[in-house]
Amino acid sequence: MNAASLMMGGLSALCAGGVGIMFLVAGVSKLREHDLFLGTLSSYRLLPAWSLEAAAWGLGAAEVLAGLMLLSGVRQAVGGVVAAGLLVLFAVAMGVNVMRGRTDLSCGCTPGQKGETLSRSLVLRTLVCALPALLPVMAGVAPSVSVQLEGVACGVALWVLWQALRVLPDVSLSDATGGERA
């Protein structure tokens, strides 16, 4: 294996880990907090009422399945395509509501956690997340088991860091030294 394919395999595994854990956590949350997610899905006003229950269960299950495929390396390309497709679907659903002026809605990404309200930047960020989801598909080369494990572990660590940075309070240097805030 040459250096370029080793690097592409590692980057692919890193993306699979980060996107995979994001989908696994979000999907499990949607299944555990089903009623909460059902309410969020209903508030988007995009689906007929009779289809909401099946859609809520189906989206949660699809996210768990995509996450497991990306994390395990089993059918990783399929997991990447499913994850990217879901991200595009979510971006379209959010974008329609942003265009309607309904920006007070929760994104519904991870029910049970503080979500973000809809915005153009959230729609764009969701679309951009489809790119790392597709990297395992575009890489074309399956990394070695050790590279796969290391890459996925690093991707999971990056996701955990991102989550921590989202929930930590905004602390300035003057707070840490006991000074007054400006």
C-alpha atoms as a PDB file:
ATOM      1  CA  MET A   1       0.000   0.000   0.000  1.00  0.00           C
ATOM      2  CA  ASN A   2       1.519   3.324  -1.032  1.00  0.00           C
ATOM      3  CA  ALA A   3       1.525   6.477   1.094  1.00  0.00           C
ATOM      4  CA  ALA A   4      -1.339   8.140  -0.799  1.00  0.00           C
ATOM      5  CA  SER A   5      -3.703   5.191  -0.415  1.00  0.00           C
ATOM      6  CA  LEU A   6      -2.690   4.787   3.240  1.00  0.00           C
ATOM      7  CA  MET A   7      -3.467   8.449   3.855  1.00  0.00           C
ATOM      8  CA  MET A   8      -6.782   8.229   1.983  1.00  0.00           C
ATOM      9  CA  GLY A   9      -7.693   5.096   3.963  1.00  0.00           C
ATOM     10  CA  GLY A  10      -6.907   6.841   7.244  1.00  0.00           C
ATOM     11  CA  LEU A  11      -8.872   9.953   6.306  1.00  0.00           C
ATOM     12  CA  SER A  12     -11.762   7.778   5.161  1.00  0.00           C
ATOM     13  CA  ALA A  13     -11.749   5.905   8.487  1.00  0.00           C
ATOM     14  CA  LEU A  14     -11.552   9.192  10.420  1.00  0.00           C
ATOM     15  CA  CYS A  15     -14.612  10.508   8.585  1.00  0.00           C
ATOM     16  CA  ALA A  16     -16.420   7.185   9.040  1.00  0.00           C
ATOM     17  CA  GLY A  17     -15.766   7.379  12.784  1.00  0.00           C
ATOM     18  CA  GLY A  18     -16.925  10.959  13.198  1.00  0.00           C
ATOM     19  CA  VAL A  19     -20.013  10.671  11.018  1.00  0.00           C
ATOM     20  CA  GLY A  20     -20.757   7.156  12.256  1.00  0.00           C
ATOM     21  CA  ILE A  21     -20.836   8.094  15.938  1.00  0.00           C
ATOM     22  CA  MET A  22     -22.879  11.210  15.144  1.00  0.00           C
ATOM     23  CA  PHE A  23     -25.504   9.065  13.405  1.00  0.00           C
ATOM     24  CA  LEU A  24     -25.453   6.294  15.997  1.00  0.00           C
ATOM     25  CA  VAL A  25     -26.001   8.714  18.894  1.00  0.00           C
ATOM     26  CA  ALA A  26     -28.658  10.713  17.022  1.00  0.00           C
ATOM     27  CA  GLY A  27     -30.500   7.582  15.894  1.00  0.00           C
ATOM     28  CA  VAL A  28     -30.524   5.956  19.327  1.00  0.00           C
ATOM     29  CA  SER A  29     -31.725   9.252  20.794  1.00  0.00           C
ATOM     30  CA  LYS A  30     -34.556   9.448  18.249  1.00  0.00           C
ATOM     31  CA  LEU A  31     -35.621   5.893  19.094  1.00  0.00           C
ATOM     32  CA  ARG A  32     -35.375   6.399  22.889  1.00  0.00           C
ATOM     33  CA  GLU A  33     -37.052   9.827  22.865  1.00  0.00           C
ATOM     34  CA  HIS A  34     -39.564   8.785  20.214  1.00  0.00           C
ATOM     35  CA  ASP A  35     -42.433  11.023  21.333  1.00  0.00           C
ATOM     36  CA  LEU A  36     -40.184  14.076  21.545  1.00  0.00           C
ATOM     37  CA  PHE A  37     -38.797  13.416  18.058  1.00  0.00           C
ATOM     38  CA  LEU A  38     -42.302  12.744  16.737  1.00  0.00           C
ATOM     39  CA  GLY A  39     -43.346  16.200  17.958  1.00  0.00           C
ATOM     40  CA  THR A  40     -40.332  17.812  16.288  1.00  0.00           C
ATOM     41  CA  LEU A  41     -41.013  15.958  13.048  1.00  0.00           C
ATOM     42  CA  SER A  42     -44.660  17.040  13.158  1.00  0.00           C
ATOM     43  CA  SER A  43     -43.684  20.684  13.737  1.00  0.00           C
ATOM     44  CA  TYR A  44     -41.875  20.753  10.389  1.00  0.00           C
ATOM     45  CA  ARG A  45     -45.279  20.374   8.641  1.00  0.00           C
ATOM     46  CA  LEU A  46     -43.826  18.476   5.688  1.00  0.00           C
ATOM     47  CA  LEU A  47     -45.475  15.057   6.041  1.00  0.00           C
ATOM     48  CA  PRO A  48     -49.116  14.003   6.301  1.00  0.00           C
ATOM     49  CA  ALA A  49     -50.159  13.130   9.854  1.00  0.00           C
ATOM     50  CA  TRP A  50     -50.752   9.466   9.007  1.00  0.00           C
ATOM     51  CA  SER A  51     -47.087   9.015   7.999  1.00  0.00           C
ATOM     52  CA  LEU A  52     -45.388  10.697  10.957  1.00  0.00           C
ATOM     53  CA  GLU A  53     -45.174   7.649  13.237  1.00  0.00           C
ATOM     54  CA  ALA A  54     -43.570   5.425  10.597  1.00  0.00           C
ATOM     55  CA  ALA A  55     -41.264   8.242   9.470  1.00  0.00           C
ATOM     56  CA  ALA A  56     -40.057   8.876  13.026  1.00  0.00           C
ATOM     57  CA  TRP A  57     -39.254   5.192  13.632  1.00  0.00           C
ATOM     58  CA  GLY A  58     -37.765   4.815  10.154  1.00  0.00           C
ATOM     59  CA  LEU A  59     -35.464   7.826  10.427  1.00  0.00           C
ATOM     60  CA  GLY A  60     -34.157   6.711  13.821  1.00  0.00           C
ATOM     61  CA  ALA A  61     -33.546   3.173  12.577  1.00  0.00           C
ATOM     62  CA  ALA A  62     -31.857   4.398   9.379  1.00  0.00           C
ATOM     63  CA  GLU A  63     -29.523   6.618  11.414  1.00  0.00           C
ATOM     64  CA  VAL A  64     -28.573   3.746  13.739  1.00  0.00           C
ATOM     65  CA  LEU A  65     -27.968   1.440  10.779  1.00  0.00           C
ATOM     66  CA  ALA A  66     -25.850   4.021   8.921  1.00  0.00           C
ATOM     67  CA  GLY A  67     -23.853   4.717  12.082  1.00  0.00           C
ATOM     68  CA  LEU A  68     -23.188   1.046  12.728  1.00  0.00           C
ATOM     69  CA  MET A  69     -22.088   0.443   9.131  1.00  0.00           C
ATOM     70  CA  LEU A  70     -19.712   3.401   9.205  1.00  0.00           C
ATOM     71  CA  LEU A  71     -18.235   2.492  12.582  1.00  0.00           C
ATOM     72  CA  SER A  72     -17.869  -1.232  11.976  1.00  0.00           C
ATOM     73  CA  GLY A  73     -16.462  -1.044   8.464  1.00  0.00           C
ATOM     74  CA  VAL A  74     -19.075  -3.589   7.341  1.00  0.00           C
ATOM     75  CA  ARG A  75     -20.787  -2.190   4.252  1.00  0.00           C
ATOM     76  CA  GLN A  76     -19.140   1.131   5.043  1.00  0.00           C
ATOM     77  CA  ALA A  77     -19.787   2.561   1.578  1.00  0.00           C
ATOM     78  CA  VAL A  78     -23.505   1.793   1.928  1.00  0.00           C
ATOM     79  CA  GLY A  79     -23.499   3.447   5.352  1.00  0.00           C
ATOM     80  CA  GLY A  80     -21.819   6.508   3.848  1.00  0.00           C
ATOM     81  CA  VAL A  81     -24.407   6.792   1.078  1.00  0.00           C
ATOM     82  CA  VAL A  82     -27.278   6.364   3.561  1.00  0.00           C
ATOM     83  CA  ALA A  83     -25.768   8.974   5.906  1.00  0.00           C
ATOM     84  CA  ALA A  84     -25.192  11.458   3.075  1.00  0.00           C
ATOM     85  CA  GLY A  85     -28.719  10.904   1.777  1.00  0.00           C
ATOM     86  CA  LEU A  86     -30.183  11.514   5.220  1.00  0.00           C
ATOM     87  CA  LEU A  87     -28.120  14.681   5.645  1.00  0.00           C
ATOM     88  CA  VAL A  88     -29.381  16.025   2.316  1.00  0.00           C
ATOM     89  CA  LEU A  89     -32.954  15.099   3.301  1.00  0.00           C
ATOM     90  CA  PHE A  90     -32.554  16.876   6.647  1.00  0.00           C
ATOM     91  CA  ALA A  91     -31.047  19.954   4.970  1.00  0.00           C
ATOM     92  CA  VAL A  92     -33.949  20.141   2.506  1.00  0.00           C
ATOM     93  CA  ALA A  93     -36.504  19.804   5.331  1.00  0.00           C
ATOM     94  CA  MET A  94     -34.780  22.524   7.347  1.00  0.00           C
ATOM     95  CA  GLY A  95     -34.311  24.714   4.262  1.00  0.00           C
ATOM     96  CA  VAL A  96     -38.012  24.577   3.393  1.00  0.00           C
ATOM     97  CA  ASN A  97     -38.883  25.769   6.885  1.00  0.00           C
ATOM     98  CA  VAL A  98     -36.220  28.489   6.837  1.00  0.00           C
ATOM     99  CA  MET A  99     -37.689  29.723   3.538  1.00  0.00           C
ATOM    100  CA  ARG A 100     -41.140  29.702   5.172  1.00  0.00           C
ATOM    101  CA  GLY A 101     -39.718  31.899   7.949  1.00  0.00           C
ATOM    102  CA  ARG A 102     -40.171  29.154  10.544  1.00  0.00           C
ATOM    103  CA  THR A 103     -36.735  29.486  12.149  1.00  0.00           C
ATOM    104  CA  ASP A 104     -37.953  28.983  15.727  1.00  0.00           C
ATOM    105  CA  LEU A 105     -38.123  25.203  15.206  1.00  0.00           C
ATOM    106  CA  SER A 106     -35.615  22.835  16.786  1.00  0.00           C
ATOM    107  CA  CYS A 107     -33.336  21.054  14.362  1.00  0.00           C
ATOM    108  CA  GLY A 108     -34.322  17.739  15.976  1.00  0.00           C
ATOM    109  CA  CYS A 109     -30.810  16.387  15.523  1.00  0.00           C
ATOM    110  CA  THR A 110     -30.530  14.739  18.929  1.00  0.00           C
ATOM    111  CA  PRO A 111     -33.811  14.689  20.880  1.00  0.00           C
ATOM    112  CA  GLY A 112     -33.291  15.111  24.596  1.00  0.00           C
ATOM    113  CA  GLN A 113     -30.353  17.479  24.116  1.00  0.00           C
ATOM    114  CA  LYS A 114     -30.503  21.201  23.590  1.00  0.00           C
ATOM    115  CA  GLY A 115     -30.970  21.580  19.854  1.00  0.00           C
ATOM    116  CA  GLU A 116     -30.285  24.462  17.564  1.00  0.00           C
ATOM    117  CA  THR A 117     -32.978  26.511  15.940  1.00  0.00           C
ATOM    118  CA  LEU A 118     -33.170  26.525  12.173  1.00  0.00           C
ATOM    119  CA  SER A 119     -31.008  28.908  10.166  1.00  0.00           C
ATOM    120  CA  ARG A 120     -29.385  29.148   6.770  1.00  0.00           C
ATOM    121  CA  SER A 121     -26.000  28.390   8.328  1.00  0.00           C
ATOM    122  CA  LEU A 122     -27.384  25.200   9.905  1.00  0.00           C
ATOM    123  CA  VAL A 123     -28.772  24.108   6.523  1.00  0.00           C
ATOM    124  CA  LEU A 124     -25.389  24.764   4.902  1.00  0.00           C
ATOM    125  CA  ARG A 125     -23.491  22.979   7.684  1.00  0.00           C
ATOM    126  CA  THR A 126     -25.775  19.964   7.338  1.00  0.00           C
ATOM    127  CA  LEU A 127     -25.110  19.825   3.592  1.00  0.00           C
ATOM    128  CA  VAL A 128     -21.359  20.154   4.144  1.00  0.00           C
ATOM    129  CA  CYS A 129     -21.498  17.169   6.550  1.00  0.00           C
ATOM    130  CA  ALA A 130     -22.560  15.000   3.602  1.00  0.00           C
ATOM    131  CA  LEU A 131     -19.032  15.295   2.162  1.00  0.00           C
ATOM    132  CA  PRO A 132     -17.205  13.433   4.955  1.00  0.00           C
ATOM    133  CA  ALA A 133     -20.040  10.895   4.957  1.00  0.00           C
ATOM    134  CA  LEU A 134     -19.223  10.146   1.320  1.00  0.00           C
ATOM    135  CA  LEU A 135     -15.451   9.912   1.760  1.00  0.00           C
ATOM    136  CA  PRO A 136     -15.572   6.176   2.581  1.00  0.00           C
ATOM    137  CA  VAL A 137     -17.409   5.732  -0.737  1.00  0.00           C
ATOM    138  CA  MET A 138     -15.019   7.900  -2.747  1.00  0.00           C
ATOM    139  CA  ALA A 139     -11.854   6.451  -1.186  1.00  0.00           C
ATOM    140  CA  GLY A 140     -12.392   3.182  -3.013  1.00  0.00           C
ATOM    141  CA  VAL A 141      -9.683   1.512  -0.928  1.00  0.00           C
ATOM    142  CA  ALA A 142     -10.505  -0.315   2.280  1.00  0.00           C
ATOM    143  CA  PRO A 143      -7.884   0.574   4.888  1.00  0.00           C
ATOM    144  CA  SER A 144      -6.123  -2.114   6.885  1.00  0.00           C
ATOM    145  CA  VAL A 145      -7.823  -3.179  10.099  1.00  0.00           C
ATOM    146  CA  SER A 146      -5.370  -1.204  12.234  1.00  0.00           C
ATOM    147  CA  VAL A 147      -5.810   1.966  10.165  1.00  0.00           C
ATOM    148  CA  GLN A 148      -9.593   1.465  10.255  1.00  0.00           C
ATOM    149  CA  LEU A 149      -9.599   1.106  14.050  1.00  0.00           C
ATOM    150  CA  GLU A 150      -7.282   4.073  14.598  1.00  0.00           C
ATOM    151  CA  GLY A 151      -9.201   6.273  12.181  1.00  0.00           C
ATOM    152  CA  VAL A 152     -12.583   5.423  13.660  1.00  0.00           C
ATOM    153  CA  ALA A 153     -11.259   5.995  17.198  1.00  0.00           C
ATOM    154  CA  CYS A 154      -9.923   9.412  16.165  1.00  0.00           C
ATOM    155  CA  GLY A 155     -13.217  10.275  14.456  1.00  0.00           C
ATOM    156  CA  VAL A 156     -15.151   9.342  17.584  1.00  0.00           C
ATOM    157  CA  ALA A 157     -12.743  11.426  19.700  1.00  0.00           C
ATOM    158  CA  LEU A 158     -13.246  14.441  17.417  1.00  0.00           C
ATOM    159  CA  TRP A 159     -17.019  14.072  17.704  1.00  0.00           C
ATOM    160  CA  VAL A 160     -16.777  13.896  21.519  1.00  0.00           C
ATOM    161  CA  LEU A 161     -14.591  17.023  21.518  1.00  0.00           C
ATOM    162  CA  TRP A 162     -17.102  18.827  19.280  1.00  0.00           C
ATOM    163  CA  GLN A 163     -19.933  17.874  21.654  1.00  0.00           C
ATOM    164  CA  ALA A 164     -17.936  19.070  24.670  1.00  0.00           C
ATOM    165  CA  LEU A 165     -17.192  22.405  23.023  1.00  0.00           C
ATOM    166  CA  ARG A 166     -20.896  22.873  22.294  1.00  0.00           C
ATOM    167  CA  VAL A 167     -21.949  22.432  25.927  1.00  0.00           C
ATOM    168  CA  LEU A 168     -19.114  24.086  27.827  1.00  0.00           C
ATOM    169  CA  PRO A 169     -19.982  27.535  29.107  1.00  0.00           C
ATOM    170  CA  ASP A 170     -18.384  30.515  27.451  1.00  0.00           C
ATOM    171  CA  VAL A 171     -15.449  31.233  29.745  1.00  0.00           C
ATOM    172  CA  SER A 172     -13.171  34.171  29.163  1.00  0.00           C
ATOM    173  CA  LEU A 173      -9.600  34.516  30.400  1.00  0.00           C
ATOM    174  CA  SER A 174     -10.676  37.089  32.984  1.00  0.00           C
ATOM    175  CA  ASP A 175     -13.103  34.520  34.456  1.00  0.00           C
ATOM    176  CA  ALA A 176     -10.247  32.054  34.908  1.00  0.00           C
ATOM    177  CA  THR A 177      -8.023  34.629  36.647  1.00  0.00           C
ATOM    178  CA  GLY A 178     -10.791  36.028  38.845  1.00  0.00           C
ATOM    179  CA  GLY A 179     -10.998  39.350  37.018  1.00  0.00           C
ATOM    180  CA  GLU A 180     -14.136  41.119  35.940  1.00  0.00           C
ATOM    181  CA  ARG A 181     -15.739  40.476  32.577  1.00  0.00           C
ATOM    182  CA  ALA A 182     -15.568  43.239  30.041  1.00  0.00           C
END
